Amino acid sequence: MKFGTTDSYVASDDLAIAVNAAVTLQRPLLVKGEPGTGKTELARQVAGALKLPLIEWHVKSTTKAQQGLYEYDAVSRLRDSQLGDERVHEVRNYIRKGKLWQAFEAEERVVLLIDEIDKADIEFPNDLLQELDRMEFHVYETGETIRARHRPVVIITSNNEKELPDAFLRRCFFHYIRFPDPETLAAIVRVHFPDIKDRLLTAALTQFFEIREVPGLKKKPSTSEVLDWLRLLLAEDLAPEDLRGDGRSALPRLHGALLKNEQDVQLFERLAFMARGQR
């Protein structure tokens, strides 16, 4: 099966081509883009479209590449040896399988999501080069080699917080998810809110894109944030005329769904003050 737009996910032609090319080449798909543009959701949609199980590995700043393979719990084994536990004689009892191990030993092909790889240490991607290339790794404690039964579809996301090594990039098929244009964003909104009225959708998206274009904005609102905002607008049953507030503030109605720091809120308040002074 080929990946494309589904009932619950709007995929651009470029994105669909990138996913299908990575699957054909059996290369990891490295997806970058603004936070909130659907990178993580992409892996879930690919798994659904290809009818494959999904294994998710969410990377943190403290995550080490070894954790994706396995972890050996030497402390528990030492404690059990002191207590005379019979489990201590079998080292496998103290090995916890990581997400890559789970993907490699799966009975069928899976989609493996390595989410936000740029959060980890700079050496993290390099430490996975061989495993992702050869689809195997060695378990030193048991002397066995774990090889992938079926090469997983690997989707790696990055928010561009740090540069990834060239050696890692060479092994990936790359795609940057651009922020959707108004027409695409409207299509995305209709997937989530099929009954939204045209006038409200047009007014809301016009205001949303105006906010994104305000000079000096520290954090531009994302796709996920406009969906939250629209959910609130619909819950409050607001009309298009209500979106501009009471006229004394440049802040949009329910702006807490869109503006996520005090600097941006203060920026809009200053703009409103300046606008009143020019009248």
C-alpha atoms as a PDB file:
ATOM      1  CA  MET A   1       0.000   0.000   0.000  1.00  0.00           C
ATOM      2  CA  LYS A   2       1.039   3.599  -0.616  1.00  0.00           C
ATOM      3  CA  PHE A   3       0.755   6.378   1.926  1.00  0.00           C
ATOM      4  CA  GLY A   4      -1.304   9.469   1.183  1.00  0.00           C
ATOM      5  CA  THR A   5      -4.002  11.713   2.604  1.00  0.00           C
ATOM      6  CA  THR A   6      -6.386   9.784   4.842  1.00  0.00           C
ATOM      7  CA  ASP A   7      -9.752  10.533   6.431  1.00  0.00           C
ATOM      8  CA  SER A   8      -7.969  11.805   9.533  1.00  0.00           C
ATOM      9  CA  TYR A   9      -4.707  13.253   8.148  1.00  0.00           C
ATOM     10  CA  VAL A  10      -4.002  15.689   5.319  1.00  0.00           C
ATOM     11  CA  ALA A  11      -0.655  14.871   3.689  1.00  0.00           C
ATOM     12  CA  SER A  12       0.853  17.140   1.060  1.00  0.00           C
ATOM     13  CA  ASP A  13       2.008  15.555  -2.187  1.00  0.00           C
ATOM     14  CA  ASP A  14       5.653  16.155  -1.212  1.00  0.00           C
ATOM     15  CA  LEU A  15       5.173  14.456   2.151  1.00  0.00           C
ATOM     16  CA  ALA A  16       3.456  11.435   0.627  1.00  0.00           C
ATOM     17  CA  ILE A  17       6.265  11.109  -1.918  1.00  0.00           C
ATOM     18  CA  ALA A  18       8.878  11.301   0.857  1.00  0.00           C
ATOM     19  CA  VAL A  19       7.190   8.599   2.947  1.00  0.00           C
ATOM     20  CA  ASN A  20       6.773   6.232   0.019  1.00  0.00           C
ATOM     21  CA  ALA A  21      10.348   6.861  -1.185  1.00  0.00           C
ATOM     22  CA  ALA A  22      11.766   6.065   2.267  1.00  0.00           C
ATOM     23  CA  VAL A  23       9.714   2.860   2.432  1.00  0.00           C
ATOM     24  CA  THR A  24      10.887   1.831  -1.040  1.00  0.00           C
ATOM     25  CA  LEU A  25      14.550   2.627  -0.292  1.00  0.00           C
ATOM     26  CA  GLN A  26      14.294   1.014   3.169  1.00  0.00           C
ATOM     27  CA  ARG A  27      15.926   4.112   4.618  1.00  0.00           C
ATOM     28  CA  PRO A  28      14.927   5.965   7.801  1.00  0.00           C
ATOM     29  CA  LEU A  29      12.715   8.950   7.038  1.00  0.00           C
ATOM     30  CA  LEU A  30      14.005  12.037   8.856  1.00  0.00           C
ATOM     31  CA  VAL A  31      11.179  14.557   9.268  1.00  0.00           C
ATOM     32  CA  LYS A  32      11.837  18.121  10.407  1.00  0.00           C
ATOM     33  CA  GLY A  33       9.483  21.054  10.859  1.00  0.00           C
ATOM     34  CA  GLU A  34       8.062  23.492  13.371  1.00  0.00           C
ATOM     35  CA  PRO A  35       6.736  21.952  16.594  1.00  0.00           C
ATOM     36  CA  GLY A  36       3.054  21.175  16.189  1.00  0.00           C
ATOM     37  CA  THR A  37       3.107  20.496  12.437  1.00  0.00           C
ATOM     38  CA  GLY A  38       2.165  16.825  12.800  1.00  0.00           C
ATOM     39  CA  LYS A  39       5.536  15.061  12.685  1.00  0.00           C
ATOM     40  CA  THR A  40       4.748  12.584  15.448  1.00  0.00           C
ATOM     41  CA  GLU A  41       1.218  12.043  14.171  1.00  0.00           C
ATOM     42  CA  LEU A  42       2.704  11.238  10.761  1.00  0.00           C
ATOM     43  CA  ALA A  43       4.230   8.007  12.097  1.00  0.00           C
ATOM     44  CA  ARG A  44       0.872   6.956  13.537  1.00  0.00           C
ATOM     45  CA  GLN A  45      -0.864   7.688  10.258  1.00  0.00           C
ATOM     46  CA  VAL A  46       1.771   5.807   8.240  1.00  0.00           C
ATOM     47  CA  ALA A  47       1.342   2.788  10.513  1.00  0.00           C
ATOM     48  CA  GLY A  48      -2.420   2.965  10.059  1.00  0.00           C
ATOM     49  CA  ALA A  49      -2.240   3.414   6.292  1.00  0.00           C
ATOM     50  CA  LEU A  50       0.224   0.526   5.841  1.00  0.00           C
ATOM     51  CA  LYS A  51      -1.636  -1.583   8.434  1.00  0.00           C
ATOM     52  CA  LEU A  52       1.512  -2.102  10.486  1.00  0.00           C
ATOM     53  CA  PRO A  53       2.019  -2.065  14.269  1.00  0.00           C
ATOM     54  CA  LEU A  54       3.638   1.089  15.682  1.00  0.00           C
ATOM     55  CA  ILE A  55       6.478   1.170  18.216  1.00  0.00           C
ATOM     56  CA  GLU A  56       7.177   4.634  19.661  1.00  0.00           C
ATOM     57  CA  TRP A  57      10.488   5.705  21.191  1.00  0.00           C
ATOM     58  CA  HIS A  58      10.177   9.216  22.639  1.00  0.00           C
ATOM     59  CA  VAL A  59      13.645  10.672  23.132  1.00  0.00           C
ATOM     60  CA  LYS A  60      14.493  12.883  26.108  1.00  0.00           C
ATOM     61  CA  SER A  61      17.584  14.927  26.974  1.00  0.00           C
ATOM     62  CA  THR A  62      18.797  12.070  29.191  1.00  0.00           C
ATOM     63  CA  THR A  63      18.131   9.283  26.666  1.00  0.00           C
ATOM     64  CA  LYS A  64      21.112   7.204  25.557  1.00  0.00           C
ATOM     65  CA  ALA A  65      21.253   5.215  22.337  1.00  0.00           C
ATOM     66  CA  GLN A  66      21.988   2.043  24.295  1.00  0.00           C
ATOM     67  CA  GLN A  67      18.523   2.278  25.867  1.00  0.00           C
ATOM     68  CA  GLY A  68      17.009   1.716  22.444  1.00  0.00           C
ATOM     69  CA  LEU A  69      18.856  -1.583  22.205  1.00  0.00           C
ATOM     70  CA  TYR A  70      18.670  -2.942  25.745  1.00  0.00           C
ATOM     71  CA  GLU A  71      19.575  -2.189  29.333  1.00  0.00           C
ATOM     72  CA  TYR A  72      21.360  -4.567  31.693  1.00  0.00           C
ATOM     73  CA  ASP A  73      20.210  -4.208  35.308  1.00  0.00           C
ATOM     74  CA  ALA A  74      23.378  -5.149  37.173  1.00  0.00           C
ATOM     75  CA  VAL A  75      22.119  -3.604  40.430  1.00  0.00           C
ATOM     76  CA  SER A  76      19.080  -5.889  40.579  1.00  0.00           C
ATOM     77  CA  ARG A  77      21.241  -8.896  39.808  1.00  0.00           C
ATOM     78  CA  LEU A  78      23.649  -8.018  42.615  1.00  0.00           C
ATOM     79  CA  ARG A  79      20.760  -7.586  45.037  1.00  0.00           C
ATOM     80  CA  ASP A  80      19.230 -10.924  44.019  1.00  0.00           C
ATOM     81  CA  SER A  81      22.585 -12.656  44.425  1.00  0.00           C
ATOM     82  CA  GLN A  82      22.816 -11.343  47.983  1.00  0.00           C
ATOM     83  CA  LEU A  83      19.308 -12.655  48.667  1.00  0.00           C
ATOM     84  CA  GLY A  84      20.046 -16.046  47.143  1.00  0.00           C
ATOM     85  CA  ASP A  85      17.458 -15.672  44.380  1.00  0.00           C
ATOM     86  CA  GLU A  86      17.689 -18.429  41.745  1.00  0.00           C
ATOM     87  CA  ARG A  87      17.002 -15.911  38.966  1.00  0.00           C
ATOM     88  CA  VAL A  88      20.543 -14.634  39.328  1.00  0.00           C
ATOM     89  CA  HIS A  89      21.952 -17.597  37.373  1.00  0.00           C
ATOM     90  CA  GLU A  90      20.254 -16.488  34.145  1.00  0.00           C
ATOM     91  CA  VAL A  91      21.585 -13.137  32.897  1.00  0.00           C
ATOM     92  CA  ARG A  92      18.629 -12.744  30.526  1.00  0.00           C
ATOM     93  CA  ASN A  93      16.421 -12.120  33.546  1.00  0.00           C
ATOM     94  CA  TYR A  94      18.182  -8.780  33.981  1.00  0.00           C
ATOM     95  CA  ILE A  95      18.105  -7.542  30.400  1.00  0.00           C
ATOM     96  CA  ARG A  96      15.312  -5.130  29.479  1.00  0.00           C
ATOM     97  CA  LYS A  97      14.644  -4.933  25.750  1.00  0.00           C
ATOM     98  CA  GLY A  98      14.650  -1.505  24.138  1.00  0.00           C
ATOM     99  CA  LYS A  99      12.451  -0.210  21.350  1.00  0.00           C
ATOM    100  CA  LEU A 100      14.866  -1.233  18.590  1.00  0.00           C
ATOM    101  CA  TRP A 101      15.065  -4.765  19.991  1.00  0.00           C
ATOM    102  CA  GLN A 102      11.254  -4.910  20.083  1.00  0.00           C
ATOM    103  CA  ALA A 103      11.076  -3.725  16.465  1.00  0.00           C
ATOM    104  CA  PHE A 104      13.769  -6.174  15.316  1.00  0.00           C
ATOM    105  CA  GLU A 105      12.160  -9.239  16.906  1.00  0.00           C
ATOM    106  CA  ALA A 106       8.569  -8.424  15.915  1.00  0.00           C
ATOM    107  CA  GLU A 107       6.734 -11.204  14.073  1.00  0.00           C
ATOM    108  CA  GLU A 108       5.761  -8.766  11.319  1.00  0.00           C
ATOM    109  CA  ARG A 109       7.097  -5.542   9.889  1.00  0.00           C
ATOM    110  CA  VAL A 110       6.497  -2.543  12.142  1.00  0.00           C
ATOM    111  CA  VAL A 111       6.749   1.240  12.009  1.00  0.00           C
ATOM    112  CA  LEU A 112       9.383   2.478  14.466  1.00  0.00           C
ATOM    113  CA  LEU A 113       9.069   6.118  15.549  1.00  0.00           C
ATOM    114  CA  ILE A 114      12.180   7.746  17.035  1.00  0.00           C
ATOM    115  CA  ASP A 115      10.616  10.987  18.212  1.00  0.00           C
ATOM    116  CA  GLU A 116      12.533  14.267  18.700  1.00  0.00           C
ATOM    117  CA  ILE A 117      16.000  12.827  18.184  1.00  0.00           C
ATOM    118  CA  ASP A 118      17.524  16.300  18.512  1.00  0.00           C
ATOM    119  CA  LYS A 119      16.643  16.413  22.226  1.00  0.00           C
ATOM    120  CA  ALA A 120      19.369  13.907  23.069  1.00  0.00           C
ATOM    121  CA  ASP A 121      23.128  14.337  23.236  1.00  0.00           C
ATOM    122  CA  ILE A 122      24.878  15.121  19.942  1.00  0.00           C
ATOM    123  CA  GLU A 123      26.453  11.638  19.938  1.00  0.00           C
ATOM    124  CA  PHE A 124      23.063   9.927  20.123  1.00  0.00           C
ATOM    125  CA  PRO A 125      22.468   9.750  16.319  1.00  0.00           C
ATOM    126  CA  ASN A 126      26.025   8.528  15.656  1.00  0.00           C
ATOM    127  CA  ASP A 127      25.614   5.808  18.255  1.00  0.00           C
ATOM    128  CA  LEU A 128      22.701   4.382  16.262  1.00  0.00           C
ATOM    129  CA  LEU A 129      24.381   4.459  12.840  1.00  0.00           C
ATOM    130  CA  GLN A 130      25.461   0.836  12.677  1.00  0.00           C
ATOM    131  CA  GLU A 131      22.267  -0.565  14.185  1.00  0.00           C
ATOM    132  CA  LEU A 132      20.013   1.331  11.769  1.00  0.00           C
ATOM    133  CA  ASP A 133      22.302   0.531   8.835  1.00  0.00           C
ATOM    134  CA  ARG A 134      22.876  -3.171   9.421  1.00  0.00           C
ATOM    135  CA  MET A 135      19.642  -3.818  11.293  1.00  0.00           C
ATOM    136  CA  GLU A 136      21.469  -5.812  13.948  1.00  0.00           C
ATOM    137  CA  PHE A 137      23.322  -5.362  17.226  1.00  0.00           C
ATOM    138  CA  HIS A 138      25.329  -7.462  19.682  1.00  0.00           C
ATOM    139  CA  VAL A 139      24.297  -8.247  23.246  1.00  0.00           C
ATOM    140  CA  TYR A 140      27.583  -8.496  25.144  1.00  0.00           C
ATOM    141  CA  GLU A 141      26.114 -10.015  28.305  1.00  0.00           C
ATOM    142  CA  THR A 142      24.681 -13.033  26.473  1.00  0.00           C
ATOM    143  CA  GLY A 143      26.969 -13.146  23.432  1.00  0.00           C
ATOM    144  CA  GLU A 144      24.037 -13.169  20.991  1.00  0.00           C
ATOM    145  CA  THR A 145      23.417 -11.025  17.947  1.00  0.00           C
ATOM    146  CA  ILE A 146      19.931  -9.633  17.453  1.00  0.00           C
ATOM    147  CA  ARG A 147      19.002  -9.274  13.781  1.00  0.00           C
ATOM    148  CA  ALA A 148      15.839  -7.746  12.410  1.00  0.00           C
ATOM    149  CA  ARG A 149      13.373 -10.353  11.206  1.00  0.00           C
ATOM    150  CA  HIS A 150      11.718  -7.689   9.061  1.00  0.00           C
ATOM    151  CA  ARG A 151      13.285  -4.315   8.306  1.00  0.00           C
ATOM    152  CA  PRO A 152      11.068  -1.787  10.100  1.00  0.00           C
ATOM    153  CA  VAL A 153       9.805   1.450   8.580  1.00  0.00           C
ATOM    154  CA  VAL A 154      11.806   3.958  10.624  1.00  0.00           C
ATOM    155  CA  ILE A 155      10.481   7.509  11.029  1.00  0.00           C
ATOM    156  CA  ILE A 156      12.701   9.966  12.907  1.00  0.00           C
ATOM    157  CA  THR A 157      11.470  13.414  13.914  1.00  0.00           C
ATOM    158  CA  SER A 158      13.481  16.518  14.775  1.00  0.00           C
ATOM    159  CA  ASN A 159      12.505  20.033  15.850  1.00  0.00           C
ATOM    160  CA  ASN A 160      15.834  21.379  14.578  1.00  0.00           C
ATOM    161  CA  GLU A 161      17.059  22.211  18.092  1.00  0.00           C
ATOM    162  CA  LYS A 162      20.540  21.069  17.103  1.00  0.00           C
ATOM    163  CA  GLU A 163      22.349  19.985  13.963  1.00  0.00           C
ATOM    164  CA  LEU A 164      22.516  16.267  13.267  1.00  0.00           C
ATOM    165  CA  PRO A 165      25.804  14.636  12.148  1.00  0.00           C
ATOM    166  CA  ASP A 166      26.464  14.360   8.411  1.00  0.00           C
ATOM    167  CA  ALA A 167      27.123  10.626   8.673  1.00  0.00           C
ATOM    168  CA  PHE A 168      23.650  10.184  10.128  1.00  0.00           C
ATOM    169  CA  LEU A 169      21.995  12.442   7.550  1.00  0.00           C
ATOM    170  CA  ARG A 170      23.551  10.468   4.685  1.00  0.00           C
ATOM    171  CA  ARG A 171      21.673   7.383   5.808  1.00  0.00           C
ATOM    172  CA  CYS A 172      18.261   9.060   5.905  1.00  0.00           C
ATOM    173  CA  PHE A 173      15.678  10.222   3.410  1.00  0.00           C
ATOM    174  CA  PHE A 174      14.926  13.808   4.444  1.00  0.00           C
ATOM    175  CA  HIS A 175      11.717  15.812   4.388  1.00  0.00           C
ATOM    176  CA  TYR A 176      10.914  19.211   5.882  1.00  0.00           C
ATOM    177  CA  ILE A 177       7.232  19.740   6.688  1.00  0.00           C
ATOM    178  CA  ARG A 178       6.520  23.332   5.733  1.00  0.00           C
ATOM    179  CA  PHE A 179       3.857  25.184   7.618  1.00  0.00           C
ATOM    180  CA  PRO A 180       0.604  24.649   5.688  1.00  0.00           C
ATOM    181  CA  ASP A 181      -0.752  27.393   3.470  1.00  0.00           C
ATOM    182  CA  PRO A 182      -4.285  28.705   4.190  1.00  0.00           C
ATOM    183  CA  GLU A 183      -5.969  26.248   1.813  1.00  0.00           C
ATOM    184  CA  THR A 184      -4.160  23.228   3.276  1.00  0.00           C
ATOM    185  CA  LEU A 185      -4.756  24.410   6.833  1.00  0.00           C
ATOM    186  CA  ALA A 186      -8.453  24.821   6.059  1.00  0.00           C
ATOM    187  CA  ALA A 187      -8.533  21.235   4.799  1.00  0.00           C
ATOM    188  CA  ILE A 188      -6.805  20.075   7.997  1.00  0.00           C
ATOM    189  CA  VAL A 189      -9.342  21.966  10.104  1.00  0.00           C
ATOM    190  CA  ARG A 190     -12.253  20.378   8.239  1.00  0.00           C
ATOM    191  CA  VAL A 191     -10.864  16.910   8.983  1.00  0.00           C
ATOM    192  CA  HIS A 192     -11.165  17.709  12.694  1.00  0.00           C
ATOM    193  CA  PHE A 193     -14.260  19.943  12.565  1.00  0.00           C
ATOM    194  CA  PRO A 194     -16.312  18.917   9.528  1.00  0.00           C
ATOM    195  CA  ASP A 195     -19.324  20.993  10.586  1.00  0.00           C
ATOM    196  CA  ILE A 196     -17.517  24.306  11.077  1.00  0.00           C
ATOM    197  CA  LYS A 197     -19.210  27.186   9.245  1.00  0.00           C
ATOM    198  CA  ASP A 198     -17.330  28.748   6.339  1.00  0.00           C
ATOM    199  CA  ARG A 199     -17.543  32.301   7.726  1.00  0.00           C
ATOM    200  CA  LEU A 200     -16.081  31.320  11.085  1.00  0.00           C
ATOM    201  CA  LEU A 201     -13.340  29.252   9.486  1.00  0.00           C
ATOM    202  CA  THR A 202     -12.351  32.067   7.118  1.00  0.00           C
ATOM    203  CA  ALA A 203     -12.345  34.699   9.870  1.00  0.00           C
ATOM    204  CA  ALA A 204     -10.433  32.499  12.293  1.00  0.00           C
ATOM    205  CA  LEU A 205      -7.745  31.478   9.817  1.00  0.00           C
ATOM    206  CA  THR A 206      -7.358  35.070   8.588  1.00  0.00           C
ATOM    207  CA  GLN A 207      -6.742  36.207  12.152  1.00  0.00           C
ATOM    208  CA  PHE A 208      -4.490  33.225  12.839  1.00  0.00           C
ATOM    209  CA  PHE A 209      -2.191  33.967   9.895  1.00  0.00           C
ATOM    210  CA  GLU A 210      -2.126  37.659  10.838  1.00  0.00           C
ATOM    211  CA  ILE A 211      -0.900  36.653  14.293  1.00  0.00           C
ATOM    212  CA  ARG A 212       1.827  34.440  12.816  1.00  0.00           C
ATOM    213  CA  GLU A 213       3.076  37.359  10.716  1.00  0.00           C
ATOM    214  CA  VAL A 214       3.374  39.851  13.596  1.00  0.00           C
ATOM    215  CA  PRO A 215       7.027  41.033  13.703  1.00  0.00           C
ATOM    216  CA  GLY A 216       8.853  40.154  16.904  1.00  0.00           C
ATOM    217  CA  LEU A 217       6.649  37.206  17.845  1.00  0.00           C
ATOM    218  CA  LYS A 218       8.747  34.841  19.958  1.00  0.00           C
ATOM    219  CA  LYS A 219       6.733  31.686  19.299  1.00  0.00           C
ATOM    220  CA  LYS A 220       4.452  31.470  16.304  1.00  0.00           C
ATOM    221  CA  PRO A 221       1.308  29.426  16.969  1.00  0.00           C
ATOM    222  CA  SER A 222       1.307  26.038  15.270  1.00  0.00           C
ATOM    223  CA  THR A 223      -1.215  23.759  13.591  1.00  0.00           C
ATOM    224  CA  SER A 224      -2.022  21.955  16.822  1.00  0.00           C
ATOM    225  CA  GLU A 225      -2.602  25.294  18.568  1.00  0.00           C
ATOM    226  CA  VAL A 226      -5.010  26.616  15.955  1.00  0.00           C
ATOM    227  CA  LEU A 227      -6.983  23.377  16.304  1.00  0.00           C
ATOM    228  CA  ASP A 228      -7.174  23.894  20.071  1.00  0.00           C
ATOM    229  CA  TRP A 229      -8.261  27.499  19.524  1.00  0.00           C
ATOM    230  CA  LEU A 230     -10.979  26.517  17.074  1.00  0.00           C
ATOM    231  CA  ARG A 231     -12.234  23.839  19.455  1.00  0.00           C
ATOM    232  CA  LEU A 232     -12.692  26.560  22.085  1.00  0.00           C
ATOM    233  CA  LEU A 233     -14.357  28.940  19.627  1.00  0.00           C
ATOM    234  CA  LEU A 234     -16.852  26.248  18.695  1.00  0.00           C
ATOM    235  CA  ALA A 235     -17.441  25.302  22.324  1.00  0.00           C
ATOM    236  CA  GLU A 236     -18.196  28.983  23.131  1.00  0.00           C
ATOM    237  CA  ASP A 237     -20.378  29.227  20.000  1.00  0.00           C
ATOM    238  CA  LEU A 238     -18.635  32.435  18.966  1.00  0.00           C
ATOM    239  CA  ALA A 239     -19.488  34.250  15.747  1.00  0.00           C
ATOM    240  CA  PRO A 240     -16.855  35.609  13.337  1.00  0.00           C
ATOM    241  CA  GLU A 241     -17.562  39.109  14.674  1.00  0.00           C
ATOM    242  CA  ASP A 242     -16.605  37.988  18.198  1.00  0.00           C
ATOM    243  CA  LEU A 243     -13.033  37.005  17.341  1.00  0.00           C
ATOM    244  CA  ARG A 244     -11.601  40.525  17.589  1.00  0.00           C
ATOM    245  CA  GLY A 245     -12.536  40.907  21.226  1.00  0.00           C
ATOM    246  CA  ASP A 246     -13.889  44.139  22.651  1.00  0.00           C
ATOM    247  CA  GLY A 247     -11.851  46.466  20.457  1.00  0.00           C
ATOM    248  CA  ARG A 248      -9.648  47.683  23.323  1.00  0.00           C
ATOM    249  CA  SER A 249      -7.093  44.882  22.909  1.00  0.00           C
ATOM    250  CA  ALA A 250      -5.156  43.471  19.986  1.00  0.00           C
ATOM    251  CA  LEU A 251      -5.302  40.101  21.708  1.00  0.00           C
ATOM    252  CA  PRO A 252      -7.528  37.535  20.004  1.00  0.00           C
ATOM    253  CA  ARG A 253     -10.367  35.945  21.940  1.00  0.00           C
ATOM    254  CA  LEU A 254      -9.193  32.947  23.992  1.00  0.00           C
ATOM    255  CA  HIS A 255      -5.624  33.913  23.125  1.00  0.00           C
ATOM    256  CA  GLY A 256      -4.173  31.481  25.683  1.00  0.00           C
ATOM    257  CA  ALA A 257      -4.572  28.715  23.114  1.00  0.00           C
ATOM    258  CA  LEU A 258      -2.368  30.598  20.627  1.00  0.00           C
ATOM    259  CA  LEU A 259       0.120  32.704  22.598  1.00  0.00           C
ATOM    260  CA  LYS A 260       2.254  30.665  24.967  1.00  0.00           C
ATOM    261  CA  ASN A 261       4.535  33.160  26.710  1.00  0.00           C
ATOM    262  CA  GLU A 262       4.223  36.528  28.415  1.00  0.00           C
ATOM    263  CA  GLN A 263       6.502  38.298  25.921  1.00  0.00           C
ATOM    264  CA  ASP A 264       4.093  37.639  23.059  1.00  0.00           C
ATOM    265  CA  VAL A 265       1.074  38.675  25.140  1.00  0.00           C
ATOM    266  CA  GLN A 266       2.858  41.925  26.059  1.00  0.00           C
ATOM    267  CA  LEU A 267       3.740  42.465  22.400  1.00  0.00           C
ATOM    268  CA  PHE A 268       0.055  42.411  21.424  1.00  0.00           C
ATOM    269  CA  GLU A 269      -0.830  44.695  24.327  1.00  0.00           C
ATOM    270  CA  ARG A 270       1.791  47.219  23.150  1.00  0.00           C
ATOM    271  CA  LEU A 271       0.426  47.034  19.611  1.00  0.00           C
ATOM    272  CA  ALA A 272      -3.066  47.795  20.917  1.00  0.00           C
ATOM    273  CA  PHE A 273      -1.736  50.739  22.956  1.00  0.00           C
ATOM    274  CA  MET A 274       0.111  52.138  19.936  1.00  0.00           C
ATOM    275  CA  ALA A 275      -2.972  51.724  17.745  1.00  0.00           C
ATOM    276  CA  ARG A 276      -5.129  53.656  20.225  1.00  0.00           C
ATOM    277  CA  GLY A 277      -2.540  56.425  20.377  1.00  0.00           C
ATOM    278  CA  GLN A 278      -2.673  56.916  16.614  1.00  0.00           C
ATOM    279  CA  ARG A 279      -6.438  57.445  16.550  1.00  0.00           C
END
